[in-house]
Amino acid sequence: MAEEKSAKGEGRGCHKNLRNFPLNFQGDICEEDRPPNRYPKTFFLLPLSFFLVLKLTSLILRLRFQRPTSLPYWMGSAFRGGFGIHLRKIVCYRPMHECEDCKFRENCLFYAAYENPYAKKGKSPPPRPIIFIPPFFGEPMDFKEGAEIEVKLLLLGEYSRYLPHVLLSLRQFGSYGLGDRRHIGLNKFEVAEAKCAFSGETVYEEGAIYPSRLKEIDVKKLQPFEGRRVRVNFYTPIQLPLGFPPPPQHLLKLIHQRLVRFVNEYGSGEKVGDFMCEGKVKPVMQRYHRLVGVSQRTGKREFWHCWTGIADYEFEKLDETGRWLLGVGKVLGAGAKSSFGMGFLNFEPIDFSL
């Protein structure tokens, strides 16, 4: 009887809400030929390999709005909060209870992504393993029915194996809508496509998941920056109490700071090397922001000294670690705060002196 029950999917350890998962798996994990124990039977986290600094997965989500839509100037707080509501509905069997009172919290995806206050190192709460990077408009934006936006997604460490849970939560989130206008039936969206940023292949489309196309890489393998001059686009807000733009050494320090926190929490915890750089910076454009977010768990939050803008950097000295850190910053961003999609950067080489 136990074997028969397992064959029907009941004994596979999937959460009860995922037994009839409304997404079709394609590729190498079809039900008939799924390798034994490919996925754990519960939400237990797999031990990280000793040889890895940090595994990561980067995706580009294409969201299509089904009705006329009005989006806020900053979606970071609303997007993360709305996703969290539906993630909890999917993975939690006691949604009316506090996480701290749950004996399964240490093995819970929602607790790791939202509630866990204890970092492996240091006293600050840990960075979160699921990071959405929605576009930052800087002002409210209206879209017509059928409009699309791109939202980037980072999954850190072993959390790429929870891609099905992330996509299902996004689908549920989209059916309810984003922001306050969801209460009047607006801002609803569907996940039209998810593409792996590293492989360039589509991993989700028309309700089907293709997990074999998802590429994970070790942060060590990110390509270093080549050249002496670069234009940096701070396309999502970054906290800079000392003003914009950050000097070259401070920019690398902010990238280094974020990387260390990620490696300590979701990697092997080994030391990230120091760097050496000298150079100068010239602002091209800049804009100051005071961001306000509202959370059901923590209430109103304000983020001061936030900036977006473009700056040109010229490095007179930049060692190998510094070049690698610039390559890391292009993917992981810079600064301590990442949960709301803050501190993400684009790099473009330039061929003129400052």
Protein backbone atom coordinates (compact mmCIF):
# COMPACT_ATOMS: atom_id res chain seq x y z
CA MET A 1 0.00 0.00 0.00
CA ALA A 2 2.84 2.37 0.82
CA GLU A 3 4.44 1.79 -2.59
CA GLU A 4 1.11 2.27 -4.33
CA LYS A 5 0.54 5.52 -2.43
CA SER A 6 3.97 6.81 -3.41
CA ALA A 7 3.34 5.97 -7.06
CA LYS A 8 0.32 8.21 -7.03
CA GLY A 9 2.36 11.15 -5.80
CA GLU A 10 1.06 11.21 -2.23
CA GLY A 11 4.28 9.86 -0.76
CA ARG A 12 6.65 12.08 -2.73
CA GLY A 13 6.80 14.61 0.06
CA CYS A 14 5.38 17.46 -2.00
CA HIS A 15 3.40 19.98 -0.07
CA LYS A 16 -0.31 19.23 -0.15
CA ASN A 17 -0.96 22.31 -2.29
CA LEU A 18 1.59 21.14 -4.85
CA ARG A 19 0.26 17.60 -5.45
CA ASN A 20 -1.81 18.86 -8.36
CA PHE A 21 0.75 21.40 -9.42
CA PRO A 22 -0.71 23.53 -12.24
CA LEU A 23 2.61 23.67 -14.10
CA ASN A 24 3.80 21.03 -16.51
CA PHE A 25 7.36 19.81 -16.06
CA GLN A 26 9.26 19.23 -19.32
CA GLY A 27 12.66 17.75 -19.96
CA ASP A 28 14.40 15.50 -17.49
CA ILE A 29 11.99 15.33 -14.56
CA CYS A 30 8.82 13.91 -16.10
CA GLU A 31 6.91 11.70 -13.69
CA GLU A 32 7.72 8.52 -15.57
CA ASP A 33 11.49 8.92 -15.64
CA ARG A 34 12.21 11.12 -12.64
CA PRO A 35 15.48 9.92 -11.05
CA PRO A 36 15.03 8.69 -7.48
CA ASN A 37 15.54 11.34 -4.80
CA ARG A 38 16.22 14.06 -7.35
CA TYR A 39 14.19 16.39 -5.19
CA PRO A 40 14.03 16.07 -1.41
CA LYS A 41 10.80 14.92 0.15
CA THR A 42 10.54 17.99 2.36
CA PHE A 43 11.88 21.53 2.38
CA PHE A 44 15.17 20.47 4.00
CA LEU A 45 18.10 22.50 2.70
CA LEU A 46 20.92 20.59 1.05
CA PRO A 47 24.44 21.03 2.43
CA LEU A 48 26.60 23.30 0.31
CA SER A 49 29.64 21.88 -1.41
CA PHE A 50 32.94 22.62 0.25
CA PHE A 51 34.37 23.61 -3.12
CA LEU A 52 31.81 26.29 -3.89
CA VAL A 53 32.04 29.91 -2.85
CA LEU A 54 28.47 30.68 -3.89
CA LYS A 55 26.11 29.08 -6.39
CA LEU A 56 23.58 31.39 -8.00
CA THR A 57 20.90 31.42 -10.64
CA SER A 58 19.71 34.49 -12.51
CA LEU A 59 16.41 34.65 -14.40
CA ILE A 60 14.55 37.23 -16.44
CA LEU A 61 10.78 37.11 -15.94
CA ARG A 62 8.45 38.58 -18.54
CA LEU A 63 5.21 39.67 -16.92
CA ARG A 64 2.16 40.54 -19.02
CA PHE A 65 -0.61 42.71 -17.57
CA GLN A 66 -4.10 41.52 -18.40
CA ARG A 67 -5.85 44.84 -17.79
CA PRO A 68 -4.96 48.54 -17.77
CA THR A 69 -2.35 48.96 -15.08
CA SER A 70 -1.00 51.75 -12.89
CA LEU A 71 2.30 50.93 -11.20
CA PRO A 72 3.96 52.85 -8.36
CA TYR A 73 7.24 54.74 -8.80
CA TRP A 74 8.96 52.04 -6.71
CA MET A 75 7.75 48.44 -6.87
CA GLY A 76 10.39 46.83 -4.65
CA SER A 77 8.37 46.71 -1.44
CA ALA A 78 4.99 45.96 -3.05
CA PHE A 79 6.39 43.21 -5.27
CA ARG A 80 8.28 41.44 -2.51
CA GLY A 81 5.36 41.76 -0.10
CA GLY A 82 2.75 40.48 -2.56
CA PHE A 83 4.91 37.53 -3.53
CA GLY A 84 5.48 36.65 0.12
CA ILE A 85 1.75 36.52 0.88
CA HIS A 86 1.18 33.89 -1.80
CA LEU A 87 4.38 31.98 -1.09
CA ARG A 88 3.21 31.49 2.47
CA LYS A 89 -0.21 30.28 1.33
CA ILE A 90 1.49 27.63 -0.78
CA VAL A 91 4.17 26.26 1.56
CA CYS A 92 2.74 26.85 5.05
CA TYR A 93 0.33 24.40 6.64
CA ARG A 94 -0.30 26.69 9.64
CA PRO A 95 -0.66 30.13 8.02
CA MET A 96 -2.56 31.62 10.98
CA HIS A 97 0.26 30.90 13.44
CA GLU A 98 3.47 32.85 14.05
CA CYS A 99 6.59 31.45 12.43
CA GLU A 100 8.54 31.57 15.69
CA ASP A 101 6.07 29.12 17.23
CA CYS A 102 6.43 26.61 14.39
CA LYS A 103 8.70 23.63 14.97
CA PHE A 104 9.28 23.27 11.22
CA ARG A 105 10.49 26.82 10.65
CA GLU A 106 14.15 25.89 10.16
CA ASN A 107 13.16 23.83 7.10
CA CYS A 108 10.57 26.27 5.73
CA LEU A 109 11.07 28.17 2.48
CA PHE A 110 8.91 31.09 3.59
CA TYR A 111 10.75 31.42 6.91
CA ALA A 112 14.12 31.51 5.12
CA ALA A 113 12.93 34.05 2.56
CA TYR A 114 11.06 36.38 4.94
CA GLU A 115 11.15 35.70 8.67
CA ASN A 116 14.50 34.27 9.74
CA PRO A 117 16.22 36.95 11.89
CA TYR A 118 19.41 34.99 12.56
CA ALA A 119 22.37 35.16 10.21
CA LYS A 120 25.10 32.54 10.28
CA LYS A 121 27.62 35.31 10.92
CA GLY A 122 27.05 38.70 12.51
CA LYS A 123 24.06 40.13 14.35
CA SER A 124 22.11 41.64 11.45
CA PRO A 125 19.27 39.67 9.82
CA PRO A 126 20.53 37.57 6.91
CA PRO A 127 20.18 38.58 3.27
CA ARG A 128 17.33 36.76 1.60
CA PRO A 129 17.88 33.90 -0.89
CA ILE A 130 15.07 34.99 -3.26
CA ILE A 131 15.62 38.47 -4.70
CA PHE A 132 13.29 40.15 -7.17
CA ILE A 133 14.57 43.15 -9.11
CA PRO A 134 11.58 44.95 -10.60
CA PRO A 135 12.15 47.99 -12.83
CA PHE A 136 12.47 51.31 -11.05
CA PHE A 137 10.46 54.04 -12.76
CA GLY A 138 11.03 56.97 -10.40
CA GLU A 139 7.43 58.07 -10.98
CA PRO A 140 4.01 56.37 -11.27
CA MET A 141 3.51 54.70 -14.64
CA ASP A 142 0.34 53.76 -16.51
CA PHE A 143 0.23 50.85 -18.96
CA LYS A 144 -2.37 49.62 -21.40
CA GLU A 145 -3.86 46.15 -21.39
CA GLY A 146 -1.33 43.62 -22.67
CA ALA A 147 1.72 45.66 -21.67
CA GLU A 148 4.78 43.74 -20.48
CA ILE A 149 7.62 44.43 -18.06
CA GLU A 150 10.76 42.50 -17.19
CA VAL A 151 11.56 41.55 -13.61
CA LYS A 152 14.91 39.99 -12.79
CA LEU A 153 15.18 37.20 -10.22
CA LEU A 154 18.18 35.92 -8.27
CA LEU A 155 18.16 32.58 -6.44
CA LEU A 156 21.13 32.08 -4.11
CA GLY A 157 22.80 28.89 -2.98
CA GLU A 158 20.63 25.80 -3.24
CA TYR A 159 17.42 27.78 -3.63
CA SER A 160 17.27 27.32 -7.39
CA ARG A 161 15.61 23.96 -6.69
CA TYR A 162 12.60 25.89 -5.44
CA LEU A 163 11.94 27.46 -8.84
CA PRO A 164 8.57 25.63 -9.16
CA HIS A 165 7.40 27.11 -5.84
CA VAL A 166 8.55 30.56 -6.92
CA LEU A 167 6.72 30.34 -10.23
CA LEU A 168 3.53 29.01 -8.67
CA SER A 169 3.59 31.80 -6.07
CA LEU A 170 4.10 34.36 -8.85
CA ARG A 171 1.14 32.97 -10.77
CA GLN A 172 -1.05 33.19 -7.69
CA PHE A 173 0.27 36.70 -6.99
CA GLY A 174 -0.51 37.80 -10.54
CA SER A 175 -4.06 36.50 -10.38
CA TYR A 176 -4.70 38.77 -7.39
CA GLY A 177 -2.79 41.81 -8.63
CA LEU A 178 0.01 44.12 -7.55
CA GLY A 179 -0.32 47.07 -5.17
CA ASP A 180 -3.37 48.89 -3.86
CA ARG A 181 -5.22 48.86 -7.19
CA ARG A 182 -5.66 45.12 -6.95
CA HIS A 183 -8.63 45.87 -4.69
CA ILE A 184 -10.53 47.29 -7.69
CA GLY A 185 -9.53 44.47 -10.02
CA LEU A 186 -6.53 46.14 -11.66
CA ASN A 187 -2.78 45.40 -11.88
CA LYS A 188 -3.27 41.71 -12.56
CA PHE A 189 -0.53 39.95 -14.51
CA GLU A 190 0.56 36.59 -15.84
CA VAL A 191 4.03 35.10 -16.08
CA ALA A 192 4.48 34.96 -19.85
CA GLU A 193 8.05 33.63 -19.80
CA ALA A 194 11.04 32.97 -17.59
CA LYS A 195 14.47 32.89 -19.21
CA CYS A 196 17.79 31.86 -17.65
CA ALA A 197 20.20 34.79 -17.84
CA PHE A 198 23.24 32.46 -17.93
CA SER A 199 22.11 29.89 -20.50
CA GLY A 200 19.88 32.25 -22.49
CA GLU A 201 17.26 29.50 -22.71
CA THR A 202 13.59 29.63 -21.77
CA VAL A 203 12.92 27.72 -18.54
CA TYR A 204 9.20 28.50 -18.26
CA GLU A 205 6.62 29.22 -20.94
CA GLU A 206 2.89 28.56 -21.38
CA GLY A 207 2.60 26.69 -18.09
CA ALA A 208 5.56 24.36 -18.66
CA ILE A 209 8.83 24.30 -16.73
CA TYR A 210 12.09 23.17 -18.39
CA PRO A 211 14.46 22.75 -15.42
CA SER A 212 17.26 21.15 -17.45
CA ARG A 213 17.72 24.52 -19.19
CA LEU A 214 18.39 26.29 -15.91
CA LYS A 215 22.09 27.01 -15.48
CA GLU A 216 23.69 27.55 -12.09
CA ILE A 217 27.15 29.04 -11.84
CA ASP A 218 29.67 29.56 -9.09
CA VAL A 219 30.33 33.20 -8.42
CA LYS A 220 34.03 32.46 -8.97
CA LYS A 221 33.27 31.94 -12.66
CA LEU A 222 31.74 35.37 -13.25
CA GLN A 223 33.75 37.19 -15.89
CA PRO A 224 36.03 39.99 -14.62
CA PHE A 225 35.83 43.48 -16.04
CA GLU A 226 38.42 44.26 -18.69
CA GLY A 227 39.64 47.76 -19.38
CA ARG A 228 40.25 50.95 -17.42
CA ARG A 229 37.11 52.99 -18.05
CA VAL A 230 33.49 52.06 -17.44
CA ARG A 231 30.11 53.76 -17.29
CA VAL A 232 28.04 52.48 -14.37
CA ASN A 233 24.26 52.75 -14.45
CA PHE A 234 22.77 52.56 -10.96
CA TYR A 235 19.38 51.50 -12.31
CA THR A 236 17.76 50.64 -8.98
CA PRO A 237 18.14 52.81 -5.86
CA ILE A 238 21.24 52.36 -3.74
CA GLN A 239 21.73 53.83 -0.28
CA LEU A 240 24.65 56.28 -0.27
CA PRO A 241 24.65 58.47 2.86
CA LEU A 242 27.77 60.30 1.62
CA GLY A 243 26.20 61.22 -1.70
CA PHE A 244 26.38 60.20 -5.34
CA PRO A 245 28.44 58.86 -7.02
CA PRO A 246 30.52 56.61 -4.77
CA PRO A 247 34.29 56.92 -5.37
CA PRO A 248 35.92 53.94 -7.11
CA GLN A 249 37.23 52.36 -3.93
CA HIS A 250 33.89 52.79 -2.17
CA LEU A 251 32.00 51.25 -5.11
CA LEU A 252 34.16 48.14 -4.92
CA LYS A 253 33.76 48.11 -1.14
CA LEU A 254 29.96 48.09 -1.53
CA ILE A 255 30.15 45.18 -4.01
CA HIS A 256 32.54 43.36 -1.67
CA GLN A 257 30.18 43.96 1.27
CA ARG A 258 27.21 42.41 -0.51
CA LEU A 259 29.22 39.45 -1.78
CA VAL A 260 30.59 38.67 1.69
CA ARG A 261 27.08 38.60 3.18
CA PHE A 262 25.83 36.26 0.45
CA VAL A 263 28.84 33.94 0.72
CA ASN A 264 28.58 33.77 4.51
CA GLU A 265 24.89 32.89 4.44
CA TYR A 266 24.44 30.78 1.30
CA GLY A 267 27.97 29.83 0.27
CA SER A 268 30.90 28.07 1.84
CA GLY A 269 31.71 31.00 4.12
CA GLU A 270 35.29 31.27 2.95
CA LYS A 271 37.02 34.63 2.99
CA VAL A 272 36.56 36.91 0.00
CA GLY A 273 39.92 38.46 -0.88
CA ASP A 274 40.78 42.12 -0.48
CA PHE A 275 41.24 44.36 -3.50
CA MET A 276 43.37 47.33 -4.53
CA CYS A 277 42.19 50.18 -6.72
CA GLU A 278 42.79 53.84 -7.45
CA GLY A 279 40.86 56.02 -9.82
CA LYS A 280 38.41 58.83 -10.32
CA VAL A 281 34.73 59.24 -11.05
CA LYS A 282 32.59 61.78 -12.88
CA PRO A 283 28.80 61.94 -12.45
CA VAL A 284 26.74 61.99 -15.64
CA MET A 285 23.27 62.20 -14.09
CA GLN A 286 21.83 61.58 -10.65
CA ARG A 287 18.56 61.60 -8.78
CA TYR A 288 17.85 61.44 -5.06
CA HIS A 289 15.03 59.28 -3.66
CA ARG A 290 13.33 58.75 -0.32
CA LEU A 291 11.65 55.39 -0.58
CA VAL A 292 8.62 54.39 1.45
CA GLY A 293 7.40 50.83 1.77
CA VAL A 294 4.54 49.28 3.73
CA SER A 295 4.65 45.75 5.09
CA GLN A 296 1.98 43.70 6.84
CA ARG A 297 4.70 42.36 9.13
CA THR A 298 6.76 45.46 9.94
CA GLY A 299 4.48 48.36 8.98
CA LYS A 300 5.83 51.46 7.29
CA ARG A 301 9.51 51.59 6.37
CA GLU A 302 11.50 54.48 4.96
CA PHE A 303 14.82 54.36 3.15
CA TRP A 304 16.75 57.62 3.09
CA HIS A 305 19.80 58.69 1.06
CA CYS A 306 18.88 56.56 -1.96
CA TRP A 307 20.18 57.38 -5.41
CA THR A 308 19.85 56.33 -9.02
CA GLY A 309 22.02 57.70 -11.78
CA ILE A 310 24.94 57.22 -14.13
CA ALA A 311 28.62 57.79 -13.43
CA ASP A 312 31.82 57.32 -15.44
CA TYR A 313 34.77 55.64 -13.73
CA GLU A 314 38.42 55.60 -14.75
CA PHE A 315 40.72 53.22 -12.87
CA GLU A 316 44.38 54.11 -12.69
CA LYS A 317 45.14 50.97 -10.68
CA LEU A 318 42.88 47.92 -10.44
CA ASP A 319 44.13 44.50 -9.41
CA GLU A 320 42.73 41.13 -10.46
CA THR A 321 40.38 40.88 -7.47
CA GLY A 322 39.03 44.35 -8.19
CA ARG A 323 38.30 43.44 -11.81
CA TRP A 324 36.53 40.29 -10.68
CA LEU A 325 34.48 42.25 -8.13
CA LEU A 326 33.25 44.56 -10.89
CA GLY A 327 32.07 41.47 -12.76
CA VAL A 328 30.35 40.25 -9.61
CA GLY A 329 28.68 43.64 -9.13
CA LYS A 330 27.12 43.41 -12.58
CA VAL A 331 25.14 40.37 -11.38
CA LEU A 332 24.79 40.73 -7.60
CA GLY A 333 24.78 44.52 -7.26
CA ALA A 334 26.26 46.53 -4.40
CA GLY A 335 25.45 47.55 -0.84
CA ALA A 336 23.93 45.86 2.19
CA LYS A 337 20.24 46.08 1.21
CA SER A 338 19.24 43.72 -1.58
CA SER A 339 15.87 42.27 -0.54
CA PHE A 340 13.79 44.95 -2.29
CA GLY A 341 15.88 44.86 -5.47
CA MET A 342 18.05 47.77 -4.34
CA GLY A 343 21.61 48.47 -5.45
CA PHE A 344 21.72 46.82 -8.87
CA LEU A 345 24.05 48.04 -11.59
CA ASN A 346 24.80 47.89 -15.30
CA PHE A 347 28.28 48.35 -16.77
CA GLU A 348 29.25 49.70 -20.17
CA PRO A 349 32.90 50.18 -21.26
CA ILE A 350 33.83 53.68 -22.43
CA ASP A 351 36.83 54.74 -24.52
CA PHE A 352 37.41 58.32 -23.41
CA SER A 353 39.31 59.79 -20.48
CA LEU A 354 37.61 61.70 -17.68
